Amino acid sequence: MLSAFLAAILALGALWHAARDGALVGLASRAASHSAGQGAVPLLKDVLGF
């Protein structure tokens, strides 16, 4: 139980550092815009693929 708690704390710390450094925003913007300039059909395929 203690190891699972420590793993969760470490994971939250890693997410905190990634958010603070702007890495999460960069990843989200690159993932969201990879088919945005190609028209409506590829964008809808991407959105509906999730």
C-alpha atoms as a PDB file:
ATOM      1  CA  MET A   1       0.000   0.000   0.000  1.00  0.00           C
ATOM      2  CA  LEU A   2       2.838   2.350   0.848  1.00  0.00           C
ATOM      3  CA  SER A   3       4.589   1.712  -2.471  1.00  0.00           C
ATOM      4  CA  ALA A   4       1.413   2.492  -4.432  1.00  0.00           C
ATOM      5  CA  PHE A   5       0.977   5.735  -2.490  1.00  0.00           C
ATOM      6  CA  LEU A   6       4.588   6.740  -3.106  1.00  0.00           C
ATOM      7  CA  ALA A   7       4.266   5.937  -6.817  1.00  0.00           C
ATOM      8  CA  ALA A   8       1.170   8.132  -7.029  1.00  0.00           C
ATOM      9  CA  ILE A   9       2.957  10.984  -5.258  1.00  0.00           C
ATOM     10  CA  LEU A  10       5.942  10.691  -7.614  1.00  0.00           C
ATOM     11  CA  ALA A  11       3.660  10.654 -10.663  1.00  0.00           C
ATOM     12  CA  LEU A  12       1.852  13.769  -9.453  1.00  0.00           C
ATOM     13  CA  GLY A  13       5.201  15.458  -8.888  1.00  0.00           C
ATOM     14  CA  ALA A  14       6.301  14.622 -12.424  1.00  0.00           C
ATOM     15  CA  LEU A  15       3.056  16.034 -13.826  1.00  0.00           C
ATOM     16  CA  TRP A  16       3.482  19.179 -11.720  1.00  0.00           C
ATOM     17  CA  HIS A  17       6.978  19.770 -13.098  1.00  0.00           C
ATOM     18  CA  ALA A  18       5.867  19.119 -16.679  1.00  0.00           C
ATOM     19  CA  ALA A  19       2.974  21.569 -16.285  1.00  0.00           C
ATOM     20  CA  ARG A  20       5.183  24.177 -14.659  1.00  0.00           C
ATOM     21  CA  ASP A  21       7.772  23.978 -17.451  1.00  0.00           C
ATOM     22  CA  GLY A  22       5.129  24.276 -20.171  1.00  0.00           C
ATOM     23  CA  ALA A  23       5.782  20.839 -21.616  1.00  0.00           C
ATOM     24  CA  LEU A  24       2.148  19.758 -21.275  1.00  0.00           C
ATOM     25  CA  VAL A  25       0.889  22.834 -23.105  1.00  0.00           C
ATOM     26  CA  GLY A  26       3.354  22.222 -25.916  1.00  0.00           C
ATOM     27  CA  LEU A  27       2.328  18.596 -26.262  1.00  0.00           C
ATOM     28  CA  ALA A  28      -1.369  19.484 -26.240  1.00  0.00           C
ATOM     29  CA  SER A  29      -0.998  22.206 -28.856  1.00  0.00           C
ATOM     30  CA  ARG A  30       1.046  19.976 -31.165  1.00  0.00           C
ATOM     31  CA  ALA A  31      -1.442  17.115 -30.791  1.00  0.00           C
ATOM     32  CA  ALA A  32      -4.454  19.361 -31.383  1.00  0.00           C
ATOM     33  CA  SER A  33      -3.081  21.113 -34.443  1.00  0.00           C
ATOM     34  CA  HIS A  34      -1.599  18.253 -36.430  1.00  0.00           C
ATOM     35  CA  SER A  35      -4.611  18.019 -38.734  1.00  0.00           C
ATOM     36  CA  ALA A  36      -6.265  21.399 -38.162  1.00  0.00           C
ATOM     37  CA  GLY A  37      -4.843  22.967 -41.322  1.00  0.00           C
ATOM     38  CA  GLN A  38      -5.845  20.132 -43.643  1.00  0.00           C
ATOM     39  CA  GLY A  39      -9.587  20.787 -43.860  1.00  0.00           C
ATOM     40  CA  ALA A  40     -12.746  19.606 -42.199  1.00  0.00           C
ATOM     41  CA  VAL A  41     -12.713  15.921 -43.155  1.00  0.00           C
ATOM     42  CA  PRO A  42      -9.303  15.040 -41.627  1.00  0.00           C
ATOM     43  CA  LEU A  43     -10.182  17.104 -38.561  1.00  0.00           C
ATOM     44  CA  LEU A  44     -13.467  15.235 -38.089  1.00  0.00           C
ATOM     45  CA  LYS A  45     -11.712  11.896 -38.578  1.00  0.00           C
ATOM     46  CA  ASP A  46      -9.245  12.878 -35.885  1.00  0.00           C
ATOM     47  CA  VAL A  47     -11.930  14.060 -33.468  1.00  0.00           C
ATOM     48  CA  LEU A  48     -14.228  11.095 -34.020  1.00  0.00           C
ATOM     49  CA  GLY A  49     -11.320   8.655 -33.766  1.00  0.00           C
ATOM     50  CA  PHE A  50     -11.262   9.119 -30.027  1.00  0.00           C
END
